[in-house]
């Protein structure tokens, strides 16, 4: 913005570069953040996501397959 008085061209300024200021990776991915579930792709069993532990490192309690983030 010229002279920083808000009269610059549309789309110029904070939060308009590379993704609109929505945070890393766009912020629209389902399951992103500390909440969510880990789901077994084989049998469909779901468990709460544990903060700091990726779902793919957890084995399904029912069938033993690697879980995925939902």
PDB file of N, CA and C in Angstrom:
ATOM      1  N   UNK A   1       0.829  -1.173   0.000  1.00  0.00           N
ATOM      2  CA  UNK A   1       0.000   0.000   0.000  1.00  0.00           C
ATOM      3  C   UNK A   1       0.877   1.241   0.000  1.00  0.00           C
ATOM      4  N   UNK A   2       0.656   2.115  -0.932  1.00  0.00           N
ATOM      5  CA  UNK A   2       1.449   3.333  -0.928  1.00  0.00           C
ATOM      6  C   UNK A   2       1.087   4.201   0.272  1.00  0.00           C
ATOM      7  N   UNK A   3       2.071   4.736   0.881  1.00  0.00           N
ATOM      8  CA  UNK A   3       1.916   5.623   2.044  1.00  0.00           C
ATOM      9  C   UNK A   3       1.181   4.974   3.207  1.00  0.00           C
ATOM     10  N   UNK A   4       0.897   3.692   3.117  1.00  0.00           N
ATOM     11  CA  UNK A   4       0.234   2.916   4.177  1.00  0.00           C
ATOM     12  C   UNK A   4      -1.025   3.584   4.719  1.00  0.00           C
ATOM     13  N   UNK A   5      -1.807   4.188   3.825  1.00  0.00           N
ATOM     14  CA  UNK A   5      -3.050   4.823   4.260  1.00  0.00           C
ATOM     15  C   UNK A   5      -4.283   4.046   3.817  1.00  0.00           C
ATOM     16  N   UNK A   6      -4.071   2.836   3.294  1.00  0.00           N
ATOM     17  CA  UNK A   6      -5.181   1.993   2.888  1.00  0.00           C
ATOM     18  C   UNK A   6      -5.694   2.244   1.496  1.00  0.00           C
ATOM     19  N   UNK A   7      -4.999   3.062   0.694  1.00  0.00           N
ATOM     20  CA  UNK A   7      -5.488   3.390  -0.635  1.00  0.00           C
ATOM     21  C   UNK A   7      -4.797   2.589  -1.728  1.00  0.00           C
ATOM     22  N   UNK A   8      -4.130   1.530  -1.385  1.00  0.00           N
ATOM     23  CA  UNK A   8      -3.408   0.733  -2.366  1.00  0.00           C
ATOM     24  C   UNK A   8      -4.339  -0.078  -3.244  1.00  0.00           C
ATOM     25  N   UNK A   9      -3.789  -0.789  -4.204  1.00  0.00           N
ATOM     26  CA  UNK A   9      -4.617  -1.601  -5.102  1.00  0.00           C
ATOM     27  C   UNK A   9      -5.285  -2.752  -4.351  1.00  0.00           C
ATOM     28  N   UNK A  10      -6.434  -3.224  -4.847  1.00  0.00           N
ATOM     29  CA  UNK A  10      -7.108  -4.342  -4.188  1.00  0.00           C
ATOM     30  C   UNK A  10      -6.207  -5.577  -4.197  1.00  0.00           C
ATOM     31  N   UNK A  11      -6.240  -6.313  -3.120  1.00  0.00           N
ATOM     32  CA  UNK A  11      -5.445  -7.526  -3.030  1.00  0.00           C
ATOM     33  C   UNK A  11      -4.040  -7.309  -2.528  1.00  0.00           C
ATOM     34  N   UNK A  12      -3.648  -6.074  -2.293  1.00  0.00           N
ATOM     35  CA  UNK A  12      -2.307  -5.808  -1.787  1.00  0.00           C
ATOM     36  C   UNK A  12      -2.383  -5.621  -0.279  1.00  0.00           C
ATOM     37  N   UNK A  13      -1.425  -6.154   0.401  1.00  0.00           N
ATOM     38  CA  UNK A  13      -1.387  -5.974   1.847  1.00  0.00           C
ATOM     39  C   UNK A  13      -1.255  -7.295   2.570  1.00  0.00           C
ATOM     40  N   UNK A  14      -1.499  -7.261   3.841  1.00  0.00           N
ATOM     41  CA  UNK A  14      -1.304  -8.438   4.683  1.00  0.00           C
ATOM     42  C   UNK A  14      -2.278  -9.557   4.348  1.00  0.00           C
ATOM     43  N   UNK A  15      -1.786 -10.778   4.416  1.00  0.00           N
ATOM     44  CA  UNK A  15      -2.628 -11.950   4.277  1.00  0.00           C
ATOM     45  C   UNK A  15      -3.115 -12.253   2.881  1.00  0.00           C
ATOM     46  N   UNK A  16      -2.567 -11.602   1.861  1.00  0.00           N
ATOM     47  CA  UNK A  16      -3.044 -11.858   0.510  1.00  0.00           C
ATOM     48  C   UNK A  16      -2.037 -12.624  -0.328  1.00  0.00           C
ATOM     49  N   UNK A  17      -0.906 -12.949   0.225  1.00  0.00           N
ATOM     50  CA  UNK A  17       0.117 -13.656  -0.532  1.00  0.00           C
ATOM     51  C   UNK A  17       0.000 -15.156  -0.310  1.00  0.00           C
ATOM     52  N   UNK A  18       0.146 -15.930  -1.338  1.00  0.00           N
ATOM     53  CA  UNK A  18       0.239 -17.390  -1.264  1.00  0.00           C
ATOM     54  C   UNK A  18      -0.762 -18.035  -0.316  1.00  0.00           C
ATOM     55  N   UNK A  19      -2.023 -17.877  -0.500  1.00  0.00           N
ATOM     56  CA  UNK A  19      -2.981 -18.613   0.300  1.00  0.00           C
ATOM     57  C   UNK A  19      -3.891 -17.755   1.157  1.00  0.00           C
ATOM     58  N   UNK A  20      -3.794 -16.483   1.078  1.00  0.00           N
ATOM     59  CA  UNK A  20      -4.742 -15.630   1.750  1.00  0.00           C
ATOM     60  C   UNK A  20      -4.610 -15.553   3.253  1.00  0.00           C
ATOM     61  N   UNK A  21      -3.460 -15.876   3.814  1.00  0.00           N
ATOM     62  CA  UNK A  21      -3.264 -15.731   5.240  1.00  0.00           C
ATOM     63  C   UNK A  21      -3.982 -16.766   6.079  1.00  0.00           C
ATOM     64  N   UNK A  22      -4.265 -17.925   5.513  1.00  0.00           N
ATOM     65  CA  UNK A  22      -4.984 -18.950   6.248  1.00  0.00           C
ATOM     66  C   UNK A  22      -4.066 -19.886   7.010  1.00  0.00           C
ATOM     67  N   UNK A  23      -2.802 -19.566   7.087  1.00  0.00           N
ATOM     68  CA  UNK A  23      -1.875 -20.422   7.811  1.00  0.00           C
ATOM     69  C   UNK A  23      -1.197 -21.414   6.906  1.00  0.00           C
ATOM     70  N   UNK A  24      -0.351 -22.213   7.476  1.00  0.00           N
ATOM     71  CA  UNK A  24       0.402 -23.199   6.715  1.00  0.00           C
ATOM     72  C   UNK A  24      -0.528 -24.236   6.112  1.00  0.00           C
ATOM     73  N   UNK A  25      -0.274 -24.627   4.898  1.00  0.00           N
ATOM     74  CA  UNK A  25      -1.029 -25.633   4.158  1.00  0.00           C
ATOM     75  C   UNK A  25      -2.486 -25.238   3.889  1.00  0.00           C
ATOM     76  N   UNK A  26      -2.818 -23.957   3.997  1.00  0.00           N
ATOM     77  CA  UNK A  26      -4.151 -23.508   3.658  1.00  0.00           C
ATOM     78  C   UNK A  26      -5.162 -23.595   4.793  1.00  0.00           C
ATOM     79  N   UNK A  27      -4.978 -24.484   5.733  1.00  0.00           N
ATOM     80  CA  UNK A  27      -5.850 -24.570   6.886  1.00  0.00           C
ATOM     81  C   UNK A  27      -7.227 -25.130   6.625  1.00  0.00           C
ATOM     82  N   UNK A  28      -7.494 -25.722   5.477  1.00  0.00           N
ATOM     83  CA  UNK A  28      -8.816 -26.242   5.189  1.00  0.00           C
ATOM     84  C   UNK A  28      -8.876 -27.761   5.213  1.00  0.00           C
ATOM     85  N   UNK A  29      -7.771 -28.411   5.497  1.00  0.00           N
ATOM     86  CA  UNK A  29      -7.743 -29.873   5.488  1.00  0.00           C
ATOM     87  C   UNK A  29      -8.581 -30.429   6.639  1.00  0.00           C
ATOM     88  N   UNK A  30      -9.502 -31.364   6.375  1.00  0.00           N
ATOM     89  CA  UNK A  30     -10.279 -31.966   7.452  1.00  0.00           C
ATOM     90  C   UNK A  30      -9.363 -32.693   8.434  1.00  0.00           C
ATOM     91  N   UNK A  31      -9.629 -32.557   9.707  1.00  0.00           N
ATOM     92  CA  UNK A  31      -8.842 -33.252  10.714  1.00  0.00           C
ATOM     93  C   UNK A  31      -7.594 -32.530  11.146  1.00  0.00           C
ATOM     94  N   UNK A  32      -7.281 -31.395  10.558  1.00  0.00           N
ATOM     95  CA  UNK A  32      -6.081 -30.672  10.940  1.00  0.00           C
ATOM     96  C   UNK A  32      -6.245 -30.111  12.343  1.00  0.00           C
ATOM     97  N   UNK A  33      -5.178 -30.077  13.088  1.00  0.00           N
ATOM     98  CA  UNK A  33      -5.214 -29.539  14.436  1.00  0.00           C
ATOM     99  C   UNK A  33      -5.175 -30.639  15.481  1.00  0.00           C
ATOM    100  N   UNK A  34      -5.264 -30.262  16.748  1.00  0.00           N
ATOM    101  CA  UNK A  34      -5.123 -31.239  17.812  1.00  0.00           C
ATOM    102  C   UNK A  34      -6.318 -32.179  17.955  1.00  0.00           C
ATOM    103  N   UNK A  35      -7.501 -31.761  17.539  1.00  0.00           N
ATOM    104  CA  UNK A  35      -8.683 -32.612  17.652  1.00  0.00           C
ATOM    105  C   UNK A  35      -8.782 -33.513  16.431  1.00  0.00           C
ATOM    106  N   UNK A  36      -9.718 -34.412  16.426  1.00  0.00           N
ATOM    107  CA  UNK A  36      -9.935 -35.277  15.281  1.00  0.00           C
ATOM    108  C   UNK A  36      -9.888 -36.738  15.664  1.00  0.00           C
ATOM    109  N   UNK A  37      -9.894 -37.578  14.666  1.00  0.00           N
ATOM    110  CA  UNK A  37      -9.919 -39.017  14.885  1.00  0.00           C
ATOM    111  C   UNK A  37      -8.892 -39.723  14.023  1.00  0.00           C
ATOM    112  N   UNK A  38      -8.462 -40.878  14.486  1.00  0.00           N
ATOM    113  CA  UNK A  38      -7.666 -41.796  13.688  1.00  0.00           C
ATOM    114  C   UNK A  38      -8.608 -42.927  13.291  1.00  0.00           C
ATOM    115  N   UNK A  39      -8.631 -43.251  12.005  1.00  0.00           N
ATOM    116  CA  UNK A  39      -9.562 -44.249  11.490  1.00  0.00           C
ATOM    117  C   UNK A  39      -8.784 -45.353  10.787  1.00  0.00           C
ATOM    118  N   UNK A  40      -9.228 -46.588  10.965  1.00  0.00           N
ATOM    119  CA  UNK A  40      -8.606 -47.727  10.282  1.00  0.00           C
ATOM    120  C   UNK A  40      -9.171 -47.820   8.869  1.00  0.00           C
ATOM    121  N   UNK A  41      -8.308 -47.811   7.851  1.00  0.00           N
ATOM    122  CA  UNK A  41      -8.806 -47.917   6.477  1.00  0.00           C
ATOM    123  C   UNK A  41      -9.311 -49.324   6.139  1.00  0.00           C
ATOM    124  N   UNK A  42      -8.935 -50.308   6.932  1.00  0.00           N
ATOM    125  CA  UNK A  42      -9.347 -51.688   6.656  1.00  0.00           C
ATOM    126  C   UNK A  42     -10.714 -52.022   7.244  1.00  0.00           C
ATOM    127  N   UNK A  43     -10.880 -51.770   8.566  1.00  0.00           N
ATOM    128  CA  UNK A  43     -12.116 -52.193   9.221  1.00  0.00           C
ATOM    129  C   UNK A  43     -13.017 -51.044   9.658  1.00  0.00           C
ATOM    130  N   UNK A  44     -12.523 -49.790   9.588  1.00  0.00           N
ATOM    131  CA  UNK A  44     -13.355 -48.637   9.912  1.00  0.00           C
ATOM    132  C   UNK A  44     -13.373 -48.247  11.378  1.00  0.00           C
ATOM    133  N   UNK A  45     -12.620 -48.913  12.221  1.00  0.00           N
ATOM    134  CA  UNK A  45     -12.551 -48.559  13.638  1.00  0.00           C
ATOM    135  C   UNK A  45     -11.963 -47.166  13.789  1.00  0.00           C
ATOM    136  N   UNK A  46     -12.550 -46.354  14.681  1.00  0.00           N
ATOM    137  CA  UNK A  46     -12.004 -45.012  14.900  1.00  0.00           C
ATOM    138  C   UNK A  46     -11.694 -44.823  16.383  1.00  0.00           C
ATOM    139  N   UNK A  47     -10.609 -44.079  16.638  1.00  0.00           N
ATOM    140  CA  UNK A  47     -10.201 -43.739  17.995  1.00  0.00           C
ATOM    141  C   UNK A  47      -9.858 -42.257  18.016  1.00  0.00           C
ATOM    142  N   UNK A  48      -9.934 -41.600  19.179  1.00  0.00           N
ATOM    143  CA  UNK A  48      -9.563 -40.181  19.244  1.00  0.00           C
ATOM    144  C   UNK A  48      -8.088 -39.990  18.915  1.00  0.00           C
ATOM    145  N   UNK A  49      -7.790 -38.895  18.201  1.00  0.00           N
ATOM    146  CA  UNK A  49      -6.402 -38.569  17.875  1.00  0.00           C
ATOM    147  C   UNK A  49      -5.665 -38.145  19.126  1.00  0.00           C
ATOM    148  N   UNK A  50      -4.419 -38.597  19.291  1.00  0.00           N
ATOM    149  CA  UNK A  50      -3.581 -38.224  20.427  1.00  0.00           C
ATOM    150  C   UNK A  50      -2.591 -37.159  19.963  1.00  0.00           C
ATOM    151  N   UNK A  51      -2.551 -36.032  20.667  1.00  0.00           N
ATOM    152  CA  UNK A  51      -1.659 -34.935  20.310  1.00  0.00           C
ATOM    153  C   UNK A  51      -0.212 -35.409  20.367  1.00  0.00           C
ATOM    154  N   UNK A  52       0.552 -35.117  19.326  1.00  0.00           N
ATOM    155  CA  UNK A  52       1.964 -35.459  19.275  1.00  0.00           C
ATOM    156  C   UNK A  52       2.261 -36.846  18.751  1.00  0.00           C
ATOM    157  N   UNK A  53       1.233 -37.616  18.411  1.00  0.00           N
ATOM    158  CA  UNK A  53       1.421 -38.966  17.897  1.00  0.00           C
ATOM    159  C   UNK A  53       0.672 -39.104  16.571  1.00  0.00           C
ATOM    160  N   UNK A  54       1.391 -39.192  15.451  1.00  0.00           N
ATOM    161  CA  UNK A  54       0.718 -39.327  14.157  1.00  0.00           C
ATOM    162  C   UNK A  54      -0.125 -40.598  14.084  1.00  0.00           C
ATOM    163  N   UNK A  55      -1.277 -40.492  13.458  1.00  0.00           N
ATOM    164  CA  UNK A  55      -2.177 -41.642  13.350  1.00  0.00           C
ATOM    165  C   UNK A  55      -1.515 -42.828  12.657  1.00  0.00           C
ATOM    166  N   UNK A  56      -0.647 -42.564  11.671  1.00  0.00           N
ATOM    167  CA  UNK A  56      -0.037 -43.674  10.947  1.00  0.00           C
ATOM    168  C   UNK A  56       0.915 -44.500  11.813  1.00  0.00           C
ATOM    169  N   UNK A  57       1.272 -44.000  13.000  1.00  0.00           N
ATOM    170  CA  UNK A  57       2.123 -44.764  13.909  1.00  0.00           C
ATOM    171  C   UNK A  57       1.318 -45.612  14.886  1.00  0.00           C
ATOM    172  N   UNK A  58      -0.008 -45.505  14.831  1.00  0.00           N
ATOM    173  CA  UNK A  58      -0.883 -46.260  15.727  1.00  0.00           C
ATOM    174  C   UNK A  58      -1.434 -47.464  14.983  1.00  0.00           C
ATOM    175  N   UNK A  59      -1.413 -48.624  15.638  1.00  0.00           N
ATOM    176  CA  UNK A  59      -2.011 -49.830  15.061  1.00  0.00           C
ATOM    177  C   UNK A  59      -3.475 -49.899  15.468  1.00  0.00           C
ATOM    178  N   UNK A  60      -4.313 -50.365  14.563  1.00  0.00           N
ATOM    179  CA  UNK A  60      -5.733 -50.531  14.839  1.00  0.00           C
ATOM    180  C   UNK A  60      -5.899 -51.564  15.956  1.00  0.00           C
ATOM    181  N   UNK A  61      -6.699 -51.261  16.981  1.00  0.00           N
ATOM    182  CA  UNK A  61      -6.896 -52.219  18.067  1.00  0.00           C
ATOM    183  C   UNK A  61      -7.681 -53.464  17.625  1.00  0.00           C
ATOM    184  N   UNK A  62      -8.390 -53.378  16.517  1.00  0.00           N
ATOM    185  CA  UNK A  62      -9.195 -54.511  16.036  1.00  0.00           C
ATOM    186  C   UNK A  62      -8.414 -55.431  15.096  1.00  0.00           C
ATOM    187  N   UNK A  63      -7.727 -54.843  14.084  1.00  0.00           N
ATOM    188  CA  UNK A  63      -7.115 -55.691  13.052  1.00  0.00           C
ATOM    189  C   UNK A  63      -5.605 -55.505  12.913  1.00  0.00           C
ATOM    190  N   UNK A  64      -5.017 -54.481  13.548  1.00  0.00           N
ATOM    191  CA  UNK A  64      -3.575 -54.297  13.508  1.00  0.00           C
ATOM    192  C   UNK A  64      -3.039 -53.452  12.342  1.00  0.00           C
ATOM    193  N   UNK A  65      -3.922 -52.960  11.484  1.00  0.00           N
ATOM    194  CA  UNK A  65      -3.495 -52.124  10.364  1.00  0.00           C
ATOM    195  C   UNK A  65      -3.109 -50.735  10.866  1.00  0.00           C
ATOM    196  N   UNK A  66      -2.334 -49.999  10.079  1.00  0.00           N
ATOM    197  CA  UNK A  66      -1.967 -48.624  10.434  1.00  0.00           C
ATOM    198  C   UNK A  66      -3.187 -47.718  10.267  1.00  0.00           C
ATOM    199  N   UNK A  67      -3.408 -46.847  11.248  1.00  0.00           N
ATOM    200  CA  UNK A  67      -4.527 -45.919  11.208  1.00  0.00           C
ATOM    201  C   UNK A  67      -4.192 -44.727  10.298  1.00  0.00           C
ATOM    202  N   UNK A  68      -5.219 -44.007   9.869  1.00  0.00           N
ATOM    203  CA  UNK A  68      -5.063 -42.787   9.076  1.00  0.00           C
ATOM    204  C   UNK A  68      -5.847 -41.668   9.741  1.00  0.00           C
ATOM    205  N   UNK A  69      -5.479 -40.426   9.465  1.00  0.00           N
ATOM    206  CA  UNK A  69      -6.141 -39.270  10.059  1.00  0.00           C
ATOM    207  C   UNK A  69      -7.429 -38.958   9.334  1.00  0.00           C
ATOM    208  N   UNK A  70      -8.450 -38.684  10.081  1.00  0.00           N
ATOM    209  CA  UNK A  70      -9.724 -38.282   9.475  1.00  0.00           C
ATOM    210  C   UNK A  70     -10.067 -36.901   9.917  1.00  0.00           C
TER     211      UNK A  70
END
